[in-house]
Amino acid sequence: MNLIDLFTDNKPLQTKKIFASNEGGTTIQLLADTQLKEHITKVPAFLVCVSGEVVFENEKGIVEKLLPGDFVNIAPEVKHWLNAHRDSLLLLIK
């Protein structure tokens, strides 16, 4: 899903709560052709692609290409990994 898709009303100012966080956020940089190897999170996480292009995959067969503005909710206790196709910057909120 892309962040812009959250706003469906034709209003000049809109807000949408998309994720409740207790642990804060982390930025991740992956250069092209780099893999963030498989791992798990113990809590739900929200991953947003800020720039570049990455592919998110998990052990349940989910494969999501993430471009700027795209995001994915990461379930706890599910192995997942990332492959960067271009230099990429991501924001992870837990």
C-alpha atoms as a PDB file:
ATOM      1  CA  MET A   1       0.000   0.000   0.000  1.00  0.00           C
ATOM      2  CA  ASN A   2       1.156   3.585  -0.545  1.00  0.00           C
ATOM      3  CA  LEU A   3       0.762   6.392   1.976  1.00  0.00           C
ATOM      4  CA  ILE A   4      -1.166   8.541  -0.499  1.00  0.00           C
ATOM      5  CA  ASP A   5      -3.862   5.827  -0.696  1.00  0.00           C
ATOM      6  CA  LEU A   6      -4.778   6.482   2.942  1.00  0.00           C
ATOM      7  CA  PHE A   7      -6.290   9.858   2.029  1.00  0.00           C
ATOM      8  CA  THR A   8      -9.532   9.454   0.113  1.00  0.00           C
ATOM      9  CA  ASP A   9     -11.379  12.646   1.055  1.00  0.00           C
ATOM     10  CA  ASN A  10     -10.937  15.819  -0.952  1.00  0.00           C
ATOM     11  CA  LYS A  11      -9.936  17.968   2.032  1.00  0.00           C
ATOM     12  CA  PRO A  12      -6.948  20.328   2.257  1.00  0.00           C
ATOM     13  CA  LEU A  13      -5.854  18.848   5.609  1.00  0.00           C
ATOM     14  CA  GLN A  14      -6.222  15.219   6.658  1.00  0.00           C
ATOM     15  CA  THR A  15      -4.624  12.990   9.276  1.00  0.00           C
ATOM     16  CA  LYS A  16      -4.702   9.220   9.620  1.00  0.00           C
ATOM     17  CA  LYS A  17      -3.395   7.095  12.462  1.00  0.00           C
ATOM     18  CA  ILE A  18      -1.712   4.116  10.852  1.00  0.00           C
ATOM     19  CA  PHE A  19       0.382   2.523  13.581  1.00  0.00           C
ATOM     20  CA  ALA A  20       0.616   2.686  17.388  1.00  0.00           C
ATOM     21  CA  SER A  21       4.247   2.676  18.527  1.00  0.00           C
ATOM     22  CA  ASN A  22       5.779   1.906  21.894  1.00  0.00           C
ATOM     23  CA  GLU A  23       9.410   1.409  20.894  1.00  0.00           C
ATOM     24  CA  GLY A  24      10.108   4.264  18.470  1.00  0.00           C
ATOM     25  CA  GLY A  25      11.609   4.402  15.014  1.00  0.00           C
ATOM     26  CA  THR A  26      14.787   3.437  13.195  1.00  0.00           C
ATOM     27  CA  THR A  27      16.129   4.448   9.807  1.00  0.00           C
ATOM     28  CA  ILE A  28      17.651   1.785   7.565  1.00  0.00           C
ATOM     29  CA  GLN A  29      19.888   2.342   4.562  1.00  0.00           C
ATOM     30  CA  LEU A  30      20.424  -0.485   2.090  1.00  0.00           C
ATOM     31  CA  LEU A  31      22.637   0.006  -0.940  1.00  0.00           C
ATOM     32  CA  ALA A  32      21.699  -1.587  -4.257  1.00  0.00           C
ATOM     33  CA  ASP A  33      22.028  -5.373  -4.350  1.00  0.00           C
ATOM     34  CA  THR A  34      22.222  -5.611  -0.554  1.00  0.00           C
ATOM     35  CA  GLN A  35      20.145  -8.025   1.515  1.00  0.00           C
ATOM     36  CA  LEU A  36      18.973  -7.539   5.076  1.00  0.00           C
ATOM     37  CA  LYS A  37      19.095 -11.214   6.026  1.00  0.00           C
ATOM     38  CA  GLU A  38      16.117 -13.063   7.501  1.00  0.00           C
ATOM     39  CA  HIS A  39      15.172 -12.154  11.035  1.00  0.00           C
ATOM     40  CA  ILE A  40      12.077 -11.755  13.224  1.00  0.00           C
ATOM     41  CA  THR A  41      10.580  -8.989  15.311  1.00  0.00           C
ATOM     42  CA  LYS A  42       9.012  -9.698  18.679  1.00  0.00           C
ATOM     43  CA  VAL A  43       6.504  -6.837  18.288  1.00  0.00           C
ATOM     44  CA  PRO A  44       4.445  -5.565  15.335  1.00  0.00           C
ATOM     45  CA  ALA A  45       6.422  -3.234  13.071  1.00  0.00           C
ATOM     46  CA  PHE A  46       5.636  -0.712  10.341  1.00  0.00           C
ATOM     47  CA  LEU A  47       8.154  -0.370   7.482  1.00  0.00           C
ATOM     48  CA  VAL A  48       8.026   2.611   5.083  1.00  0.00           C
ATOM     49  CA  CYS A  49      10.165   3.031   1.972  1.00  0.00           C
ATOM     50  CA  VAL A  50      11.375   6.639   1.869  1.00  0.00           C
ATOM     51  CA  SER A  51      13.536   6.304  -1.250  1.00  0.00           C
ATOM     52  CA  GLY A  52      14.820   3.613  -3.580  1.00  0.00           C
ATOM     53  CA  GLU A  53      13.343   0.185  -4.251  1.00  0.00           C
ATOM     54  CA  VAL A  54      13.317  -2.860  -1.982  1.00  0.00           C
ATOM     55  CA  VAL A  55      11.480  -6.169  -1.955  1.00  0.00           C
ATOM     56  CA  PHE A  56      10.057  -7.342   1.374  1.00  0.00           C
ATOM     57  CA  GLU A  57       9.499 -11.092   1.730  1.00  0.00           C
ATOM     58  CA  ASN A  58       8.427 -13.323   4.588  1.00  0.00           C
ATOM     59  CA  GLU A  59       8.203 -17.019   5.372  1.00  0.00           C
ATOM     60  CA  LYS A  60       4.459 -16.986   4.699  1.00  0.00           C
ATOM     61  CA  GLY A  61       5.078 -16.268   1.022  1.00  0.00           C
ATOM     62  CA  ILE A  62       4.339 -12.543   1.094  1.00  0.00           C
ATOM     63  CA  VAL A  63       6.382 -10.631  -1.491  1.00  0.00           C
ATOM     64  CA  GLU A  64       5.949  -6.834  -1.651  1.00  0.00           C
ATOM     65  CA  LYS A  65       7.923  -4.454  -3.846  1.00  0.00           C
ATOM     66  CA  LEU A  66       8.310  -1.181  -1.946  1.00  0.00           C
ATOM     67  CA  LEU A  67       8.855   2.120  -3.751  1.00  0.00           C
ATOM     68  CA  PRO A  68       8.888   5.593  -2.130  1.00  0.00           C
ATOM     69  CA  GLY A  69       5.775   6.011   0.011  1.00  0.00           C
ATOM     70  CA  ASP A  70       4.949   2.301   0.048  1.00  0.00           C
ATOM     71  CA  PHE A  71       4.685   0.522   3.381  1.00  0.00           C
ATOM     72  CA  VAL A  72       4.163  -2.893   4.896  1.00  0.00           C
ATOM     73  CA  ASN A  73       3.008  -4.042   8.330  1.00  0.00           C
ATOM     74  CA  ILE A  74       5.357  -6.698   9.703  1.00  0.00           C
ATOM     75  CA  ALA A  75       3.818  -9.367  11.925  1.00  0.00           C
ATOM     76  CA  PRO A  76       5.703 -10.450  15.042  1.00  0.00           C
ATOM     77  CA  GLU A  77       7.439 -13.834  15.149  1.00  0.00           C
ATOM     78  CA  VAL A  78       7.418 -14.218  11.332  1.00  0.00           C
ATOM     79  CA  LYS A  79      10.781 -14.524   9.559  1.00  0.00           C
ATOM     80  CA  HIS A  80      11.241 -11.799   6.966  1.00  0.00           C
ATOM     81  CA  TRP A  81      13.999 -10.205   4.896  1.00  0.00           C
ATOM     82  CA  LEU A  82      14.656  -7.359   2.452  1.00  0.00           C
ATOM     83  CA  ASN A  83      16.465  -7.169  -0.884  1.00  0.00           C
ATOM     84  CA  ALA A  84      17.452  -3.732  -2.207  1.00  0.00           C
ATOM     85  CA  HIS A  85      17.268  -3.286  -5.971  1.00  0.00           C
ATOM     86  CA  ARG A  86      18.425   0.358  -5.739  1.00  0.00           C
ATOM     87  CA  ASP A  87      20.048   2.407  -3.003  1.00  0.00           C
ATOM     88  CA  SER A  88      17.222   2.712  -0.472  1.00  0.00           C
ATOM     89  CA  LEU A  89      16.262   4.492   2.714  1.00  0.00           C
ATOM     90  CA  LEU A  90      13.581   2.998   4.973  1.00  0.00           C
ATOM     91  CA  LEU A  91      11.841   3.997   8.184  1.00  0.00           C
ATOM     92  CA  LEU A  92      10.995   1.230  10.663  1.00  0.00           C
ATOM     93  CA  ILE A  93       8.573   1.962  13.494  1.00  0.00           C
ATOM     94  CA  LYS A  94       8.021  -0.546  16.310  1.00  0.00           C
END
